[in-house]
Amino acid sequence: DPRLVRGLGDDAAIVRGRAYAVTSVDTMVEGVHFRRGQLSADEIGHR
């Protein structure tokens, strides 16, 4: 990614941004949003 100046391996990422950041956080918790016995691990990451 050309915007990524520093990524994994440092304490924080450095990203070359634009004027306005549009940010959202979404959390999925076992027993609330999914059950490990019903979905594969890669499906959980995808979802």
All heavy atoms as atom14 arrays in JSON, in Angstrom:
{
  "sequence": "DPRLVRGLGDDAAIVRGRAYAVTSVDTMVEGVHFRRGQLSADEIGHR",
  "atom14_mask": [
    [1, 1, 1, 1, 1, 1, 1, 1, 0, 0, 0, 0, 0, 0],
    [1, 1, 1, 1, 1, 1, 1, 0, 0, 0, 0, 0, 0, 0],
    [1, 1, 1, 1, 1, 1, 1, 1, 1, 1, 1, 0, 0, 0],
    [1, 1, 1, 1, 1, 1, 1, 1, 0, 0, 0, 0, 0, 0],
    [1, 1, 1, 1, 1, 1, 1, 0, 0, 0, 0, 0, 0, 0],
    [1, 1, 1, 1, 1, 1, 1, 1, 1, 1, 1, 0, 0, 0],
    [1, 1, 1, 1, 0, 0, 0, 0, 0, 0, 0, 0, 0, 0],
    [1, 1, 1, 1, 1, 1, 1, 1, 0, 0, 0, 0, 0, 0],
    [1, 1, 1, 1, 0, 0, 0, 0, 0, 0, 0, 0, 0, 0],
    [1, 1, 1, 1, 1, 1, 1, 1, 0, 0, 0, 0, 0, 0],
    [1, 1, 1, 1, 1, 1, 1, 1, 0, 0, 0, 0, 0, 0],
    [1, 1, 1, 1, 1, 0, 0, 0, 0, 0, 0, 0, 0, 0],
    [1, 1, 1, 1, 1, 0, 0, 0, 0, 0, 0, 0, 0, 0],
    [1, 1, 1, 1, 1, 1, 1, 1, 0, 0, 0, 0, 0, 0],
    [1, 1, 1, 1, 1, 1, 1, 0, 0, 0, 0, 0, 0, 0],
    [1, 1, 1, 1, 1, 1, 1, 1, 1, 1, 1, 0, 0, 0],
    [1, 1, 1, 1, 0, 0, 0, 0, 0, 0, 0, 0, 0, 0],
    [1, 1, 1, 1, 1, 1, 1, 1, 1, 1, 1, 0, 0, 0],
    [1, 1, 1, 1, 1, 0, 0, 0, 0, 0, 0, 0, 0, 0],
    [1, 1, 1, 1, 1, 1, 1, 1, 1, 1, 1, 1, 0, 0],
    [1, 1, 1, 1, 1, 0, 0, 0, 0, 0, 0, 0, 0, 0],
    [1, 1, 1, 1, 1, 1, 1, 0, 0, 0, 0, 0, 0, 0],
    [1, 1, 1, 1, 1, 1, 1, 0, 0, 0, 0, 0, 0, 0],
    [1, 1, 1, 1, 1, 1, 0, 0, 0, 0, 0, 0, 0, 0],
    [1, 1, 1, 1, 1, 1, 1, 0, 0, 0, 0, 0, 0, 0],
    [1, 1, 1, 1, 1, 1, 1, 1, 0, 0, 0, 0, 0, 0],
    [1, 1, 1, 1, 1, 1, 1, 0, 0, 0, 0, 0, 0, 0],
    [1, 1, 1, 1, 1, 1, 1, 1, 0, 0, 0, 0, 0, 0],
    [1, 1, 1, 1, 1, 1, 1, 0, 0, 0, 0, 0, 0, 0],
    [1, 1, 1, 1, 1, 1, 1, 1, 1, 0, 0, 0, 0, 0],
    [1, 1, 1, 1, 0, 0, 0, 0, 0, 0, 0, 0, 0, 0],
    [1, 1, 1, 1, 1, 1, 1, 0, 0, 0, 0, 0, 0, 0],
    [1, 1, 1, 1, 1, 1, 1, 1, 1, 1, 0, 0, 0, 0],
    [1, 1, 1, 1, 1, 1, 1, 1, 1, 1, 1, 0, 0, 0],
    [1, 1, 1, 1, 1, 1, 1, 1, 1, 1, 1, 0, 0, 0],
    [1, 1, 1, 1, 1, 1, 1, 1, 1, 1, 1, 0, 0, 0],
    [1, 1, 1, 1, 0, 0, 0, 0, 0, 0, 0, 0, 0, 0],
    [1, 1, 1, 1, 1, 1, 1, 1, 1, 0, 0, 0, 0, 0],
    [1, 1, 1, 1, 1, 1, 1, 1, 0, 0, 0, 0, 0, 0],
    [1, 1, 1, 1, 1, 1, 0, 0, 0, 0, 0, 0, 0, 0],
    [1, 1, 1, 1, 1, 0, 0, 0, 0, 0, 0, 0, 0, 0],
    [1, 1, 1, 1, 1, 1, 1, 1, 0, 0, 0, 0, 0, 0],
    [1, 1, 1, 1, 1, 1, 1, 1, 1, 0, 0, 0, 0, 0],
    [1, 1, 1, 1, 1, 1, 1, 1, 0, 0, 0, 0, 0, 0],
    [1, 1, 1, 1, 0, 0, 0, 0, 0, 0, 0, 0, 0, 0],
    [1, 1, 1, 1, 1, 1, 1, 1, 1, 1, 0, 0, 0, 0],
    [1, 1, 1, 1, 1, 1, 1, 1, 1, 1, 1, 0, 0, 0]
  ],
  "atom14_positions": [
    [[0.84, -1.2, 0.0], [0.0, 0.0, 0.0], [0.88, 1.25, 0.0], [1.66, 1.48, 0.93], [-0.89, -0.03, 1.25], [-1.86, 1.14, 1.31], [-1.74, 2.08, 0.51], [-2.75, 1.12, 2.18], [0.0, 0.0, 0.0], [0.0, 0.0, 0.0], [0.0, 0.0, 0.0], [0.0, 0.0, 0.0], [0.0, 0.0, 0.0], [0.0, 0.0, 0.0]],
    [[0.78, 2.1, -1.02], [1.65, 3.29, -1.08], [1.37, 4.29, 0.03], [2.23, 5.14, 0.31], [1.33, 3.88, -2.46], [-0.04, 3.37, -2.8], [-0.11, 2.01, -2.19], [0.0, 0.0, 0.0], [0.0, 0.0, 0.0], [0.0, 0.0, 0.0], [0.0, 0.0, 0.0], [0.0, 0.0, 0.0], [0.0, 0.0, 0.0], [0.0, 0.0, 0.0]],
    [[0.21, 4.23, 0.65], [-0.09, 5.16, 1.75], [0.57, 4.73, 3.06], [0.7, 5.53, 3.97], [-1.6, 5.27, 1.96], [-2.32, 6.02, 0.86], [-3.72, 6.41, 1.3], [-4.4, 7.13, 0.26], [-4.23, 8.43, 0.02], [-3.42, 9.13, 0.79], [-4.88, 9.02, -0.95], [0.0, 0.0, 0.0], [0.0, 0.0, 0.0], [0.0, 0.0, 0.0]],
    [[0.94, 3.46, 3.15], [1.47, 2.93, 4.4], [2.97, 3.2, 4.48], [3.77, 2.55, 3.79], [1.18, 1.44, 4.51], [1.45, 0.79, 5.87], [0.55, 1.41, 6.94], [1.21, -0.71, 5.8], [0.0, 0.0, 0.0], [0.0, 0.0, 0.0], [0.0, 0.0, 0.0], [0.0, 0.0, 0.0], [0.0, 0.0, 0.0], [0.0, 0.0, 0.0]],
    [[3.37, 4.16, 5.31], [4.78, 4.5, 5.48], [5.45, 3.51, 6.42], [6.55, 3.02, 6.17], [4.92, 5.94, 6.01], [6.39, 6.31, 6.21], [4.25, 6.92, 5.05], [0.0, 0.0, 0.0], [0.0, 0.0, 0.0], [0.0, 0.0, 0.0], [0.0, 0.0, 0.0], [0.0, 0.0, 0.0], [0.0, 0.0, 0.0], [0.0, 0.0, 0.0]],
    [[4.78, 3.21, 7.52], [5.23, 2.17, 8.46], [4.01, 1.39, 8.92], [2.99, 1.97, 9.26], [5.94, 2.78, 9.67], [7.34, 3.28, 9.4], [8.02, 3.73, 10.68], [9.39, 4.12, 10.45], [10.44, 3.28, 10.51], [10.23, 2.01, 10.8], [11.66, 3.72, 10.3], [0.0, 0.0, 0.0], [0.0, 0.0, 0.0], [0.0, 0.0, 0.0]],
    [[4.13, 0.07, 8.95], [3.01, -0.76, 9.36], [3.39, -1.72, 10.45], [3.95, -1.32, 11.48], [0.0, 0.0, 0.0], [0.0, 0.0, 0.0], [0.0, 0.0, 0.0], [0.0, 0.0, 0.0], [0.0, 0.0, 0.0], [0.0, 0.0, 0.0], [0.0, 0.0, 0.0], [0.0, 0.0, 0.0], [0.0, 0.0, 0.0], [0.0, 0.0, 0.0]],
    [[3.13, -3.0, 10.25], [3.42, -4.0, 11.26], [4.9, -4.03, 11.61], [5.76, -3.97, 10.73], [2.99, -5.38, 10.76], [1.48, -5.58, 10.63], [1.18, -6.82, 9.82], [0.86, -5.68, 12.01], [0.0, 0.0, 0.0], [0.0, 0.0, 0.0], [0.0, 0.0, 0.0], [0.0, 0.0, 0.0], [0.0, 0.0, 0.0], [0.0, 0.0, 0.0]],
    [[5.18, -4.09, 12.91], [6.56, -4.15, 13.37], [6.96, -2.95, 14.2], [7.93, -3.0, 14.95], [0.0, 0.0, 0.0], [0.0, 0.0, 0.0], [0.0, 0.0, 0.0], [0.0, 0.0, 0.0], [0.0, 0.0, 0.0], [0.0, 0.0, 0.0], [0.0, 0.0, 0.0], [0.0, 0.0, 0.0], [0.0, 0.0, 0.0], [0.0, 0.0, 0.0]],
    [[6.21, -1.85, 14.1], [6.46, -0.68, 14.93], [5.32, -0.54, 15.95], [4.33, -1.25, 15.9], [6.56, 0.57, 14.07], [7.91, 0.68, 13.36], [8.92, 0.89, 14.06], [7.94, 0.51, 12.13], [0.0, 0.0, 0.0], [0.0, 0.0, 0.0], [0.0, 0.0, 0.0], [0.0, 0.0, 0.0], [0.0, 0.0, 0.0], [0.0, 0.0, 0.0]],
    [[5.49, 0.4, 16.87], [4.47, 0.6, 17.9], [3.21, 1.23, 17.36], [2.15, 1.15, 17.98], [5.03, 1.46, 19.03], [6.08, 0.71, 19.85], [5.85, -0.47, 20.17], [7.13, 1.3, 20.16], [0.0, 0.0, 0.0], [0.0, 0.0, 0.0], [0.0, 0.0, 0.0], [0.0, 0.0, 0.0], [0.0, 0.0, 0.0], [0.0, 0.0, 0.0]],
    [[3.31, 1.88, 16.22], [2.14, 2.48, 15.6], [2.36, 2.52, 14.09], [3.49, 2.54, 13.61], [1.9, 3.91, 16.13], [0.0, 0.0, 0.0], [0.0, 0.0, 0.0], [0.0, 0.0, 0.0], [0.0, 0.0, 0.0], [0.0, 0.0, 0.0], [0.0, 0.0, 0.0], [0.0, 0.0, 0.0], [0.0, 0.0, 0.0], [0.0, 0.0, 0.0]],
    [[1.25, 2.53, 13.36], [1.32, 2.64, 11.91], [1.43, 4.11, 11.52], [0.9, 4.99, 12.2], [0.09, 2.02, 11.27], [0.0, 0.0, 0.0], [0.0, 0.0, 0.0], [0.0, 0.0, 0.0], [0.0, 0.0, 0.0], [0.0, 0.0, 0.0], [0.0, 0.0, 0.0], [0.0, 0.0, 0.0], [0.0, 0.0, 0.0], [0.0, 0.0, 0.0]],
    [[2.1, 4.36, 10.42], [2.16, 5.7, 9.84], [1.53, 5.6, 8.46], [2.0, 4.86, 7.6], [3.6, 6.22, 9.73], [4.28, 6.21, 11.11], [3.61, 7.63, 9.14], [5.74, 6.61, 11.06], [0.0, 0.0, 0.0], [0.0, 0.0, 0.0], [0.0, 0.0, 0.0], [0.0, 0.0, 0.0], [0.0, 0.0, 0.0], [0.0, 0.0, 0.0]],
    [[0.44, 6.36, 8.26], [-0.3, 6.32, 7.01], [-0.37, 7.72, 6.44], [-0.68, 8.69, 7.15], [-1.73, 5.77, 7.23], [-2.52, 5.8, 5.92], [-1.68, 4.35, 7.77], [0.0, 0.0, 0.0], [0.0, 0.0, 0.0], [0.0, 0.0, 0.0], [0.0, 0.0, 0.0], [0.0, 0.0, 0.0], [0.0, 0.0, 0.0], [0.0, 0.0, 0.0]],
    [[-0.07, 7.84, 5.15], [-0.21, 9.12, 4.46], [-1.69, 9.33, 4.16], [-2.27, 8.67, 3.31], [0.61, 9.11, 3.16], [0.63, 10.43, 2.43], [1.48, 10.33, 1.17], [2.89, 10.08, 1.49], [3.49, 8.91, 1.26], [2.82, 7.89, 0.75], [4.77, 8.75, 1.56], [0.0, 0.0, 0.0], [0.0, 0.0, 0.0], [0.0, 0.0, 0.0]],
    [[-2.31, 10.23, 4.89], [-3.75, 10.38, 4.81], [-4.19, 11.44, 3.82], [-3.4, 12.0, 3.06], [0.0, 0.0, 0.0], [0.0, 0.0, 0.0], [0.0, 0.0, 0.0], [0.0, 0.0, 0.0], [0.0, 0.0, 0.0], [0.0, 0.0, 0.0], [0.0, 0.0, 0.0], [0.0, 0.0, 0.0], [0.0, 0.0, 0.0], [0.0, 0.0, 0.0]],
    [[-5.5, 11.7, 3.83], [-6.1, 12.75, 3.04], [-6.8, 13.7, 3.99], [-6.6, 13.66, 5.2], [-7.05, 12.14, 2.01], [-6.32, 11.47, 0.86], [-7.19, 10.48, 0.1], [-8.34, 11.12, -0.54], [-9.28, 10.41, -1.16], [-9.2, 9.08, -1.21], [-10.3, 11.03, -1.74], [0.0, 0.0, 0.0], [0.0, 0.0, 0.0], [0.0, 0.0, 0.0]],
    [[-7.63, 14.55, 3.48], [-8.16, 15.65, 4.29], [-9.03, 15.17, 5.45], [-8.95, 15.7, 6.55], [-8.94, 16.62, 3.4], [0.0, 0.0, 0.0], [0.0, 0.0, 0.0], [0.0, 0.0, 0.0], [0.0, 0.0, 0.0], [0.0, 0.0, 0.0], [0.0, 0.0, 0.0], [0.0, 0.0, 0.0], [0.0, 0.0, 0.0], [0.0, 0.0, 0.0]],
    [[-9.88, 14.18, 5.18], [-10.83, 13.75, 6.21], [-10.75, 12.24, 6.37], [-10.86, 11.48, 5.4], [-12.26, 14.15, 5.84], [-12.45, 15.63, 5.77], [-12.25, 16.33, 4.58], [-12.82, 16.36, 6.91], [-12.41, 17.69, 4.51], [-12.98, 17.73, 6.85], [-12.78, 18.4, 5.64], [-12.94, 19.76, 5.59], [0.0, 0.0, 0.0], [0.0, 0.0, 0.0]],
    [[-10.59, 11.79, 7.62], [-10.61, 10.36, 7.93], [-12.03, 9.94, 8.29], [-12.71, 10.61, 9.06], [-9.67, 10.06, 9.1], [0.0, 0.0, 0.0], [0.0, 0.0, 0.0], [0.0, 0.0, 0.0], [0.0, 0.0, 0.0], [0.0, 0.0, 0.0], [0.0, 0.0, 0.0], [0.0, 0.0, 0.0], [0.0, 0.0, 0.0], [0.0, 0.0, 0.0]],
    [[-12.46, 8.83, 7.71], [-13.8, 8.28, 7.98], [-13.57, 6.97, 8.71], [-13.07, 6.0, 8.12], [-14.58, 8.05, 6.67], [-16.02, 7.68, 6.97], [-14.51, 9.27, 5.78], [0.0, 0.0, 0.0], [0.0, 0.0, 0.0], [0.0, 0.0, 0.0], [0.0, 0.0, 0.0], [0.0, 0.0, 0.0], [0.0, 0.0, 0.0], [0.0, 0.0, 0.0]],
    [[-13.9, 6.91, 9.99], [-13.45, 5.83, 10.86], [-14.61, 5.11, 11.51], [-15.57, 5.73, 11.96], [-12.52, 6.39, 11.96], [-11.47, 7.14, 11.34], [-11.93, 5.28, 12.8], [0.0, 0.0, 0.0], [0.0, 0.0, 0.0], [0.0, 0.0, 0.0], [0.0, 0.0, 0.0], [0.0, 0.0, 0.0], [0.0, 0.0, 0.0], [0.0, 0.0, 0.0]],
    [[-14.51, 3.79, 11.57], [-15.52, 2.99, 12.25], [-14.85, 1.84, 12.98], [-13.8, 1.33, 12.55], [-16.55, 2.44, 11.25], [-17.55, 1.68, 11.93], [0.0, 0.0, 0.0], [0.0, 0.0, 0.0], [0.0, 0.0, 0.0], [0.0, 0.0, 0.0], [0.0, 0.0, 0.0], [0.0, 0.0, 0.0], [0.0, 0.0, 0.0], [0.0, 0.0, 0.0]],
    [[-15.43, 1.43, 14.09], [-14.95, 0.28, 14.86], [-16.08, -0.73, 14.95], [-17.22, -0.37, 15.26], [-14.51, 0.69, 16.27], [-14.01, -0.52, 17.05], [-13.43, 1.76, 16.22], [0.0, 0.0, 0.0], [0.0, 0.0, 0.0], [0.0, 0.0, 0.0], [0.0, 0.0, 0.0], [0.0, 0.0, 0.0], [0.0, 0.0, 0.0], [0.0, 0.0, 0.0]],
    [[-15.77, -1.99, 14.69], [-16.78, -3.04, 14.78], [-16.15, -4.24, 15.49], [-15.05, -4.67, 15.12], [-17.27, -3.45, 13.39], [-18.62, -4.16, 13.45], [-19.64, -3.47, 13.51], [-18.63, -5.4, 13.45], [0.0, 0.0, 0.0], [0.0, 0.0, 0.0], [0.0, 0.0, 0.0], [0.0, 0.0, 0.0], [0.0, 0.0, 0.0], [0.0, 0.0, 0.0]],
    [[-16.85, -4.76, 16.49], [-16.32, -5.84, 17.31], [-17.25, -7.04, 17.28], [-18.47, -6.88, 17.4], [-16.15, -5.38, 18.77], [-15.24, -4.26, 18.81], [-15.59, -6.49, 19.65], [0.0, 0.0, 0.0], [0.0, 0.0, 0.0], [0.0, 0.0, 0.0], [0.0, 0.0, 0.0], [0.0, 0.0, 0.0], [0.0, 0.0, 0.0], [0.0, 0.0, 0.0]],
    [[-16.68, -8.22, 17.1], [-17.46, -9.46, 17.16], [-16.89, -10.33, 18.28], [-15.68, -10.53, 18.37], [-17.42, -10.19, 15.82], [-18.14, -9.44, 14.72], [-18.5, -10.46, 13.27], [-19.39, -9.25, 12.26], [0.0, 0.0, 0.0], [0.0, 0.0, 0.0], [0.0, 0.0, 0.0], [0.0, 0.0, 0.0], [0.0, 0.0, 0.0], [0.0, 0.0, 0.0]],
    [[-17.81, -10.83, 19.12], [-17.44, -11.55, 20.32], [-18.03, -12.95, 20.28], [-19.21, -13.14, 19.96], [-17.96, -10.81, 21.58], [-17.6, -11.56, 22.85], [-17.41, -9.39, 21.62], [0.0, 0.0, 0.0], [0.0, 0.0, 0.0], [0.0, 0.0, 0.0], [0.0, 0.0, 0.0], [0.0, 0.0, 0.0], [0.0, 0.0, 0.0], [0.0, 0.0, 0.0]],
    [[-17.2, -13.92, 20.6], [-17.66, -15.3, 20.65], [-18.82, -15.44, 21.65], [-18.77, -14.91, 22.76], [-16.51, -16.21, 21.07], [-16.86, -17.69, 21.13], [-15.7, -18.54, 21.59], [-14.59, -18.01, 21.8], [-15.9, -19.76, 21.75], [0.0, 0.0, 0.0], [0.0, 0.0, 0.0], [0.0, 0.0, 0.0], [0.0, 0.0, 0.0], [0.0, 0.0, 0.0]],
    [[-19.88, -16.13, 21.22], [-21.05, -16.31, 22.07], [-22.1, -15.24, 21.88], [-23.24, -15.41, 22.3], [0.0, 0.0, 0.0], [0.0, 0.0, 0.0], [0.0, 0.0, 0.0], [0.0, 0.0, 0.0], [0.0, 0.0, 0.0], [0.0, 0.0, 0.0], [0.0, 0.0, 0.0], [0.0, 0.0, 0.0], [0.0, 0.0, 0.0], [0.0, 0.0, 0.0]],
    [[-21.71, -14.11, 21.24], [-22.66, -13.04, 20.93], [-22.89, -12.96, 19.42], [-24.02, -12.98, 18.95], [-22.17, -11.68, 21.47], [-23.14, -10.56, 21.1], [-21.98, -11.74, 22.98], [0.0, 0.0, 0.0], [0.0, 0.0, 0.0], [0.0, 0.0, 0.0], [0.0, 0.0, 0.0], [0.0, 0.0, 0.0], [0.0, 0.0, 0.0], [0.0, 0.0, 0.0]],
    [[-21.8, -12.87, 18.67], [-21.88, -12.71, 17.21], [-21.59, -13.99, 16.45], [-21.9, -14.08, 15.26], [-20.9, -11.64, 16.75], [-21.13, -10.29, 17.36], [-20.51, -9.91, 18.52], [-21.92, -9.26, 16.99], [-20.9, -8.68, 18.84], [-21.76, -8.26, 17.93], [0.0, 0.0, 0.0], [0.0, 0.0, 0.0], [0.0, 0.0, 0.0], [0.0, 0.0, 0.0]],
    [[-20.99, -14.96, 17.09], [-20.65, -16.22, 16.43], [-20.32, -17.26, 17.49], [-20.11, -16.93, 18.66], [-19.46, -16.05, 15.48], [-18.18, -15.65, 16.2], [-17.33, -16.62, 16.73], [-17.83, -14.33, 16.34], [-16.16, -16.26, 17.41], [-16.67, -13.96, 17.02], [-15.85, -14.93, 17.55], [0.0, 0.0, 0.0], [0.0, 0.0, 0.0], [0.0, 0.0, 0.0]],
    [[-20.26, -18.51, 17.04], [-19.82, -19.62, 17.88], [-18.78, -20.42, 17.12], [-18.98, -20.77, 15.96], [-21.0, -20.51, 18.29], [-21.93, -19.82, 19.27], [-23.22, -20.58, 19.53], [-24.0, -19.93, 20.57], [-24.72, -18.82, 20.41], [-24.75, -18.23, 19.23], [-25.39, -18.29, 21.41], [0.0, 0.0, 0.0], [0.0, 0.0, 0.0], [0.0, 0.0, 0.0]],
    [[-17.66, -20.67, 17.78], [-16.54, -21.3, 17.09], [-16.88, -22.69, 16.56], [-16.31, -23.13, 15.56], [-15.33, -21.37, 18.01], [-14.65, -20.02, 18.21], [-13.7, -20.03, 19.37], [-12.62, -21.0, 19.2], [-11.88, -21.46, 20.2], [-12.13, -21.06, 21.44], [-10.92, -22.31, 19.97], [0.0, 0.0, 0.0], [0.0, 0.0, 0.0], [0.0, 0.0, 0.0]],
    [[-17.8, -23.37, 17.2], [-18.18, -24.69, 16.73], [-19.01, -24.68, 15.46], [-19.19, -25.71, 14.82], [0.0, 0.0, 0.0], [0.0, 0.0, 0.0], [0.0, 0.0, 0.0], [0.0, 0.0, 0.0], [0.0, 0.0, 0.0], [0.0, 0.0, 0.0], [0.0, 0.0, 0.0], [0.0, 0.0, 0.0], [0.0, 0.0, 0.0], [0.0, 0.0, 0.0]],
    [[-19.51, -23.51, 15.08], [-20.38, -23.4, 13.91], [-19.69, -22.79, 12.7], [-20.15, -22.97, 11.57], [-21.61, -22.55, 14.28], [-22.49, -23.18, 15.34], [-23.59, -22.26, 15.81], [-23.58, -21.06, 15.5], [-24.53, -22.79, 16.57], [0.0, 0.0, 0.0], [0.0, 0.0, 0.0], [0.0, 0.0, 0.0], [0.0, 0.0, 0.0], [0.0, 0.0, 0.0]],
    [[-18.62, -22.05, 12.92], [-17.9, -21.39, 11.83], [-16.43, -21.78, 11.89], [-15.87, -22.0, 12.97], [-18.01, -19.87, 11.94], [-19.39, -19.25, 11.75], [-19.32, -17.74, 12.0], [-19.93, -19.52, 10.37], [0.0, 0.0, 0.0], [0.0, 0.0, 0.0], [0.0, 0.0, 0.0], [0.0, 0.0, 0.0], [0.0, 0.0, 0.0], [0.0, 0.0, 0.0]],
    [[-15.8, -21.83, 10.73], [-14.36, -22.05, 10.69], [-13.64, -20.76, 11.08], [-14.23, -19.67, 11.05], [-13.93, -22.49, 9.3], [-14.16, -21.45, 8.35], [0.0, 0.0, 0.0], [0.0, 0.0, 0.0], [0.0, 0.0, 0.0], [0.0, 0.0, 0.0], [0.0, 0.0, 0.0], [0.0, 0.0, 0.0], [0.0, 0.0, 0.0], [0.0, 0.0, 0.0]],
    [[-12.37, -20.88, 11.44], [-11.61, -19.71, 11.87], [-11.51, -18.67, 10.75], [-11.61, -17.46, 10.99], [-10.22, -20.14, 12.33], [0.0, 0.0, 0.0], [0.0, 0.0, 0.0], [0.0, 0.0, 0.0], [0.0, 0.0, 0.0], [0.0, 0.0, 0.0], [0.0, 0.0, 0.0], [0.0, 0.0, 0.0], [0.0, 0.0, 0.0], [0.0, 0.0, 0.0]],
    [[-11.3, -19.11, 9.51], [-11.19, -18.14, 8.42], [-12.52, -17.43, 8.17], [-12.54, -16.25, 7.8], [-10.65, -18.79, 7.15], [-11.59, -19.83, 6.58], [-12.01, -20.73, 7.33], [-11.89, -19.75, 5.38], [0.0, 0.0, 0.0], [0.0, 0.0, 0.0], [0.0, 0.0, 0.0], [0.0, 0.0, 0.0], [0.0, 0.0, 0.0], [0.0, 0.0, 0.0]],
    [[-13.64, -18.13, 8.38], [-14.95, -17.48, 8.26], [-15.14, -16.42, 9.33], [-15.7, -15.34, 9.06], [-16.06, -18.52, 8.34], [-16.16, -19.42, 7.11], [-17.12, -20.58, 7.28], [-17.39, -20.98, 8.44], [-17.59, -21.1, 6.25], [0.0, 0.0, 0.0], [0.0, 0.0, 0.0], [0.0, 0.0, 0.0], [0.0, 0.0, 0.0], [0.0, 0.0, 0.0]],
    [[-14.66, -16.68, 10.54], [-14.78, -15.71, 11.62], [-13.98, -14.45, 11.28], [-14.46, -13.31, 11.46], [-14.31, -16.32, 12.95], [-15.27, -17.42, 13.4], [-14.17, -15.25, 14.04], [-14.77, -18.26, 14.56], [0.0, 0.0, 0.0], [0.0, 0.0, 0.0], [0.0, 0.0, 0.0], [0.0, 0.0, 0.0], [0.0, 0.0, 0.0], [0.0, 0.0, 0.0]],
    [[-12.77, -14.62, 10.77], [-11.96, -13.46, 10.38], [-12.6, -12.67, 9.25], [-12.62, -11.43, 9.28], [0.0, 0.0, 0.0], [0.0, 0.0, 0.0], [0.0, 0.0, 0.0], [0.0, 0.0, 0.0], [0.0, 0.0, 0.0], [0.0, 0.0, 0.0], [0.0, 0.0, 0.0], [0.0, 0.0, 0.0], [0.0, 0.0, 0.0], [0.0, 0.0, 0.0]],
    [[-13.14, -13.38, 8.26], [-13.82, -12.73, 7.14], [-15.01, -11.91, 7.64], [-15.16, -10.74, 7.27], [-14.28, -13.79, 6.16], [-15.09, -13.28, 5.01], [-14.67, -13.35, 3.7], [-16.31, -12.66, 4.96], [-15.59, -12.83, 2.91], [-16.6, -12.4, 3.65], [0.0, 0.0, 0.0], [0.0, 0.0, 0.0], [0.0, 0.0, 0.0], [0.0, 0.0, 0.0]],
    [[-15.86, -12.51, 8.45], [-17.07, -11.84, 8.92], [-16.75, -10.57, 9.7], [-17.43, -9.54, 9.58], [-17.9, -12.76, 9.83], [-18.64, -13.86, 9.12], [-19.49, -14.67, 10.09], [-20.78, -14.07, 10.31], [-21.2, -13.55, 11.46], [-20.42, -13.54, 12.51], [-22.41, -13.05, 11.55], [0.0, 0.0, 0.0], [0.0, 0.0, 0.0], [0.0, 0.0, 0.0]]
  ]
}
